[in-house]
Protein backbone atom coordinates (compact mmCIF):
# COMPACT_ATOMS: atom_id res chain seq x y z
CA MET A 1 -37.28 51.26 88.07
CA GLN A 2 -39.35 48.84 90.03
CA THR A 3 -41.86 48.65 87.58
CA LYS A 4 -39.16 47.82 85.08
CA GLY A 5 -37.87 45.78 87.11
CA LYS A 6 -40.98 43.59 87.28
CA LEU A 7 -41.39 43.76 83.49
CA PHE A 8 -38.22 42.00 83.32
CA THR A 9 -38.81 39.33 85.47
CA ILE A 10 -41.97 38.74 84.06
CA GLY A 11 -40.48 38.78 80.06
CA LEU A 12 -38.07 36.13 81.97
CA ILE A 13 -40.59 34.09 83.20
CA THR A 14 -42.70 34.31 79.94
CA PHE A 15 -39.35 33.35 77.87
CA TRP A 16 -38.48 30.54 80.14
CA TYR A 17 -42.01 28.98 79.67
CA SER A 18 -41.96 29.20 76.22
CA SER A 19 -38.54 27.70 75.41
CA ASN A 20 -39.41 24.90 77.68
CA ILE A 21 -42.60 24.21 76.63
CA GLY A 22 -41.75 25.06 73.12
CA VAL A 23 -38.88 22.31 72.91
CA LEU A 24 -41.26 19.85 74.64
CA LEU A 25 -43.41 20.20 71.70
CA LEU A 26 -41.01 20.64 69.03
CA ASN A 27 -39.49 17.49 70.21
CA LYS A 28 -42.83 15.61 69.88
CA PHE A 29 -43.34 17.08 66.38
CA LEU A 30 -40.53 16.11 65.15
CA LEU A 31 -39.85 12.50 66.59
CA SER A 32 -43.81 11.67 66.20
CA ASN A 33 -45.93 13.48 64.06
CA TYR A 34 -42.94 14.64 61.12
CA GLY A 35 -41.37 11.32 61.30
CA PHE A 36 -37.87 12.40 62.43
CA LYS A 37 -37.48 8.89 64.22
CA TYR A 38 -33.99 9.50 65.39
CA PRO A 39 -34.36 10.79 69.19
CA ILE A 40 -30.13 10.54 69.85
CA PHE A 41 -29.46 12.57 66.99
CA LEU A 42 -31.89 15.05 67.99
CA THR A 43 -30.47 15.17 71.20
CA MET A 44 -26.50 15.19 70.13
CA CYS A 45 -27.86 18.27 67.91
CA HIS A 46 -28.94 20.22 71.37
CA MET A 47 -25.90 19.08 72.77
CA MET A 48 -23.74 20.84 69.88
CA ALA A 49 -26.02 23.52 70.13
CA CYS A 50 -25.44 24.07 73.95
CA SER A 51 -21.64 23.78 73.28
CA LEU A 52 -21.49 26.30 70.81
CA LEU A 53 -23.79 28.59 72.03
CA SER A 54 -22.77 28.44 76.22
CA TYR A 55 -18.84 29.01 74.94
CA ILE A 56 -19.96 32.10 72.86
CA ALA A 57 -22.58 33.49 76.12
CA ILE A 58 -19.25 32.82 78.44
CA VAL A 59 -16.14 33.22 76.90
CA TRP A 60 -16.97 35.77 74.51
CA LEU A 61 -20.18 37.68 75.37
CA LYS A 62 -18.80 37.39 78.88
CA PHE A 63 -22.67 36.55 80.31
CA VAL A 64 -20.96 34.96 83.20
CA GLN A 65 -17.26 34.58 84.81
CA ILE A 66 -15.48 31.88 83.55
CA GLN A 67 -14.70 28.96 85.86
CA THR A 68 -11.79 26.54 84.92
CA ILE A 69 -11.70 23.05 85.66
CA ARG A 70 -8.80 22.71 88.49
CA SER A 71 -7.91 19.06 88.45
CA THR A 72 -8.38 15.75 86.65
CA LEU A 73 -10.89 13.90 89.42
CA GLN A 74 -13.00 17.38 88.91
CA PHE A 75 -13.19 16.81 85.10
CA THR A 76 -13.95 12.99 86.05
CA LYS A 77 -16.61 14.06 88.05
CA ILE A 78 -17.99 16.58 85.61
CA ALA A 79 -18.06 13.50 82.95
CA THR A 80 -19.95 11.39 84.85
CA LEU A 81 -22.40 14.08 85.26
CA SER A 82 -22.45 14.28 81.53
CA ALA A 83 -23.25 10.74 80.73
CA VAL A 84 -26.20 10.89 83.25
CA PHE A 85 -27.35 13.84 82.24
CA CYS A 86 -27.36 12.76 78.47
CA PHE A 87 -29.28 9.61 79.24
CA SER A 88 -31.81 11.61 80.97
CA VAL A 89 -32.60 13.51 77.61
CA VAL A 90 -32.12 10.80 75.36
CA GLY A 91 -34.65 8.65 77.31
CA GLY A 92 -36.87 11.59 77.45
CA ASN A 93 -36.54 12.27 73.82
CA ILE A 94 -36.89 8.68 73.37
CA SER A 95 -40.26 8.14 75.33
CA LEU A 96 -41.76 11.32 73.05
CA ARG A 97 -41.89 8.94 70.06
CA TYR A 98 -44.49 6.48 71.71
CA LEU A 99 -46.15 8.81 74.43
CA PRO A 100 -48.38 11.95 74.49
CA VAL A 101 -46.67 15.02 75.89
CA SER A 102 -49.32 15.09 78.99
CA PHE A 103 -48.36 11.43 79.88
CA ASN A 104 -44.81 12.29 79.39
CA GLN A 105 -45.47 15.38 82.14
CA ALA A 106 -47.08 13.24 84.40
CA VAL A 107 -44.53 10.84 84.48
CA GLY A 108 -41.50 12.93 84.70
CA ALA A 109 -43.39 14.75 87.69
CA THR A 110 -42.22 12.31 89.94
CA THR A 111 -38.78 13.40 89.77
CA PRO A 112 -38.91 14.42 93.75
CA PHE A 113 -40.10 10.53 94.41
CA PHE A 114 -36.38 9.30 92.70
CA THR A 115 -34.76 12.60 94.09
CA ALA A 116 -35.85 11.66 97.47
CA ILE A 117 -34.56 7.65 97.14
CA PHE A 118 -31.06 8.46 95.83
CA ALA A 119 -30.87 11.25 98.37
CA TYR A 120 -31.62 8.82 101.38
CA LEU A 121 -29.60 5.97 99.29
CA MET A 122 -26.63 7.18 98.53
CA THR A 123 -25.54 10.45 101.47
CA PHE A 124 -28.18 8.64 104.02
CA LYS A 125 -29.99 11.94 103.68
CA ARG A 126 -33.48 11.28 105.65
CA GLU A 127 -36.25 13.91 105.38
CA GLY A 128 -39.77 13.91 107.95
CA TRP A 129 -42.13 11.26 107.52
CA VAL A 130 -44.44 14.25 106.42
CA THR A 131 -42.25 14.89 103.23
CA TYR A 132 -42.04 11.07 102.70
CA VAL A 133 -45.89 10.55 102.84
CA THR A 134 -46.28 13.22 100.52
CA LEU A 135 -44.92 11.53 97.69
CA ILE A 136 -47.51 8.62 98.09
CA PRO A 137 -49.88 10.70 95.86
CA VAL A 138 -47.11 11.71 93.63
CA VAL A 139 -46.40 7.83 92.82
CA THR A 140 -50.33 7.18 93.06
CA GLY A 141 -51.00 9.65 90.47
CA VAL A 142 -48.59 8.60 87.98
CA ILE A 143 -50.50 4.49 88.44
CA ILE A 144 -53.66 6.03 87.92
CA ALA A 145 -52.78 8.19 85.43
CA SER A 146 -51.24 4.96 83.25
CA GLY A 147 -54.08 3.03 84.05
CA GLY A 148 -56.14 5.55 82.78
CA GLU A 149 -54.24 6.75 79.33
CA PRO A 150 -55.69 5.77 76.11
CA LEU A 151 -51.96 5.86 73.92
CA PHE A 152 -50.19 4.36 76.97
CA ASN A 153 -47.15 2.46 75.36
CA LEU A 154 -44.76 0.26 78.20
CA PHE A 155 -41.78 0.64 76.00
CA GLY A 156 -42.43 4.17 76.10
CA PHE A 157 -43.08 3.92 79.54
CA ILE A 158 -40.08 2.73 80.45
CA MET A 159 -37.87 5.00 79.16
CA CYS A 160 -39.91 7.97 80.31
CA ILE A 161 -39.60 6.41 84.23
CA SER A 162 -36.22 6.13 83.56
CA ALA A 163 -35.37 9.16 81.85
CA THR A 164 -36.59 10.88 85.49
CA ALA A 165 -34.71 8.79 87.75
CA ALA A 166 -31.72 9.63 85.94
CA ARG A 167 -32.62 13.19 86.38
CA ALA A 168 -33.08 12.96 89.56
CA LEU A 169 -29.38 10.72 89.83
CA LYS A 170 -27.90 13.94 88.25
CA THR A 171 -29.13 16.28 90.55
CA VAL A 172 -28.41 14.27 93.55
CA LEU A 173 -24.69 12.88 92.43
CA GLN A 174 -24.07 16.80 91.60
CA GLY A 175 -24.57 18.05 95.24
CA ILE A 176 -22.10 14.97 95.77
CA LEU A 177 -19.21 15.20 93.43
CA LEU A 178 -19.39 18.65 93.16
CA SER A 179 -19.58 19.84 97.04
CA SER A 180 -16.70 21.37 97.57
CA GLU A 181 -16.44 25.13 97.33
CA GLY A 182 -13.20 24.80 95.08
CA GLU A 183 -15.35 22.45 92.89
CA LYS A 184 -18.68 24.34 92.48
CA LEU A 185 -19.37 25.67 89.03
CA ASN A 186 -22.72 27.62 88.40
CA SER A 187 -24.94 25.98 85.63
CA MET A 188 -23.85 27.63 82.80
CA ASN A 189 -20.37 26.87 83.22
CA LEU A 190 -21.19 23.41 84.04
CA LEU A 191 -23.47 23.08 80.89
CA MET A 192 -20.42 24.36 78.67
CA TYR A 193 -18.44 21.61 80.27
CA MET A 194 -20.89 18.86 80.27
CA ALA A 195 -22.33 19.59 76.69
CA PRO A 196 -19.12 18.77 74.33
CA ILE A 197 -18.74 15.69 76.93
CA ALA A 198 -22.30 14.37 75.74
CA VAL A 199 -21.69 15.34 71.94
CA VAL A 200 -18.46 12.69 72.41
CA CYS A 201 -20.62 9.66 73.76
CA LEU A 202 -23.34 10.78 71.59
CA ILE A 203 -21.95 10.43 67.90
CA PRO A 204 -20.90 6.84 68.26
CA ALA A 205 -24.28 6.01 69.65
CA ALA A 206 -26.14 7.85 66.79
CA LEU A 207 -23.50 6.02 64.10
CA ILE A 208 -24.65 2.40 65.65
CA MET A 209 -27.67 2.67 66.89
CA GLU A 210 -29.39 4.56 64.19
CA LYS A 211 -27.94 3.99 61.19
CA ASN A 212 -27.25 6.18 58.39
CA VAL A 213 -28.69 8.77 60.27
CA VAL A 214 -26.55 11.60 58.49
CA GLY A 215 -27.45 10.25 54.68
CA ILE A 216 -31.06 9.86 56.02
CA THR A 217 -31.18 13.44 57.23
CA VAL A 218 -29.39 14.76 54.23
CA ALA A 219 -32.18 13.08 52.02
CA LEU A 220 -34.91 14.91 53.53
CA ALA A 221 -33.31 17.85 53.58
CA ARG A 222 -33.75 17.26 50.17
CA GLU A 223 -36.77 16.69 49.65
CA ASP A 224 -37.97 19.36 52.51
CA ALA A 225 -36.04 21.84 53.64
CA LYS A 226 -37.46 22.99 56.68
CA ILE A 227 -36.61 19.47 58.42
CA LEU A 228 -32.85 21.84 58.81
CA TRP A 229 -34.71 24.79 60.17
CA TYR A 230 -36.55 22.72 62.59
CA LEU A 231 -33.80 20.91 64.02
CA LEU A 232 -31.42 24.48 64.07
CA PHE A 233 -34.23 25.82 65.72
CA ASN A 234 -34.90 22.89 68.12
CA SER A 235 -31.44 23.23 69.42
CA CYS A 236 -31.53 26.54 70.13
CA LEU A 237 -34.25 26.45 72.22
CA ALA A 238 -32.45 23.52 74.03
CA TYR A 239 -30.12 26.14 74.83
CA PHE A 240 -32.29 28.64 76.34
CA VAL A 241 -34.07 26.24 78.34
CA ASN A 242 -30.98 26.27 80.03
CA LEU A 243 -29.86 30.29 79.93
CA THR A 244 -33.71 30.95 81.04
CA ASN A 245 -33.25 28.67 83.73
CA PHE A 246 -30.02 30.24 85.24
CA LEU A 247 -31.45 33.79 84.63
CA VAL A 248 -35.51 32.87 86.42
CA THR A 249 -33.26 31.34 89.33
CA LYS A 250 -31.06 34.20 89.59
CA HIS A 251 -33.69 37.41 89.59
CA THR A 252 -36.11 35.52 91.61
CA SER A 253 -35.27 32.06 93.61
CA ALA A 254 -34.37 28.56 93.42
CA LEU A 255 -38.44 28.06 95.21
CA THR A 256 -39.94 30.51 92.85
CA LEU A 257 -38.59 28.06 90.11
CA GLN A 258 -39.42 25.35 91.89
CA VAL A 259 -43.36 26.70 91.95
CA LEU A 260 -43.35 27.79 88.30
CA GLY A 261 -41.83 24.70 87.43
CA ASN A 262 -45.09 22.69 88.79
CA ALA A 263 -47.28 25.44 86.98
CA LYS A 264 -45.34 24.84 84.19
CA GLY A 265 -45.93 21.12 83.42
CA ALA A 266 -49.82 21.92 83.71
CA VAL A 267 -49.52 24.56 81.26
CA ALA A 268 -47.51 22.00 78.74
CA VAL A 269 -50.23 19.31 79.11
CA VAL A 270 -52.75 21.36 78.46
CA VAL A 271 -51.50 23.10 75.45
CA SER A 272 -49.97 19.83 74.00
CA ILE A 273 -53.59 18.11 73.96
CA LEU A 274 -55.03 21.59 72.28
CA ILE A 275 -52.30 21.15 69.36
CA PHE A 276 -51.74 17.21 68.90
CA ARG A 277 -55.35 16.27 69.77
CA ASN A 278 -54.38 13.13 71.71
CA PRO A 279 -57.01 11.44 73.54
CA VAL A 280 -57.35 11.79 77.25
CA SER A 281 -59.23 10.42 79.97
CA VAL A 282 -60.90 11.55 82.62
CA THR A 283 -59.17 8.76 84.84
CA GLY A 284 -55.77 10.13 83.59
CA MET A 285 -56.38 13.82 84.35
CA LEU A 286 -57.46 12.90 87.46
CA GLY A 287 -54.41 10.83 88.46
CA TYR A 288 -51.85 13.71 86.56
CA CYS A 289 -53.83 16.31 88.85
CA LEU A 290 -52.91 14.06 92.12
CA THR A 291 -49.25 13.88 91.20
CA ILE A 292 -49.21 17.61 91.16
CA ILE A 293 -50.65 17.92 93.89
CA GLY A 294 -48.27 15.66 95.76
CA VAL A 295 -45.28 17.39 94.24
CA ILE A 296 -46.72 21.04 95.57
CA LEU A 297 -47.22 19.61 99.21
CA TYR A 298 -43.69 17.64 98.33
CA SER A 299 -42.68 20.93 98.07
CA GLU A 300 -44.31 22.80 100.88
CA ALA A 301 -42.86 19.91 103.07
CA LYS A 302 -39.05 20.00 102.27
CA LYS A 303 -39.25 24.03 102.81
CA ARG A 304 -40.47 23.47 106.13
CA ASN A 305 -38.56 20.31 107.25
CA LYS A 306 -35.81 20.76 109.60
CA PRO A 307 -32.29 18.89 109.04
CA GLN A 308 -32.12 16.00 110.62
CA ILE A 309 -28.86 13.62 111.73
CA VAL A 310 -28.27 10.17 109.70
CA GLN A 311 -25.79 7.88 111.27
CA GLY A 312 -23.13 11.00 111.94
CA VAL A 313 -24.02 13.02 108.94
CA THR A 314 -25.66 16.57 109.41
CA THR A 315 -28.17 16.87 106.33
């Protein structure tokens, strides 16, 4: 039984890695190499798949117990989270049009830096000084990687930084807005409610900012039907990223997920370089390695740091 349990966990982690790296690489392929230059529409497809598959998994298959929205205020909070989440995904997809996956992952690794800033500004949560010191290599590494990136693009970099900051903001907001026991939702139920709201936000954005995207997609499908399969597979992968994230956390721990996530970024960088053959510099790789080391040190410092009292708020 123990052996079966270990094999099941290994299988989950493998599937989690595959779906995470797979959706990242396929996004890059579609938006950059294939020439489907519509990141908002692509994100909308992702959210539509997440809406449908979440509903099937929770309501029909009873994968997890359904949690209902209990008030208008709770719905407003979820809608706020959905808007921030939506911006983070769109920003990340836009950045992939202009930046290689390796550099995109290097910038994305600075999430702890933004999380620490937002946590302090919004909740007065102060970490120990060692924790803040570990953020220095995180930021320094990205600065070095930026200077050594052969395919650096300023707009892509701004969008990637914005997406990373929005991802961190969503994490902090979720802790603030859904803090009471009556409002807390597990990640699968939260996704089921957030995804349809994101679709509603993305439909007008895609129609206005990516004019005639539906007509262009139909025209592309007539020339090459593979685009429909790419979009379908890519959208389903986007859901399985969230599903496997939930399962790995459930069968291991949040800390294990964090450690595996750090390693996943490095794996994604290596795989993307092998597939897309984008040029990399020694300076860029050193910067990325420094960022990853900083993230690992930050995780360790967070784990050992004891709660502190700040302005009467227990953290």
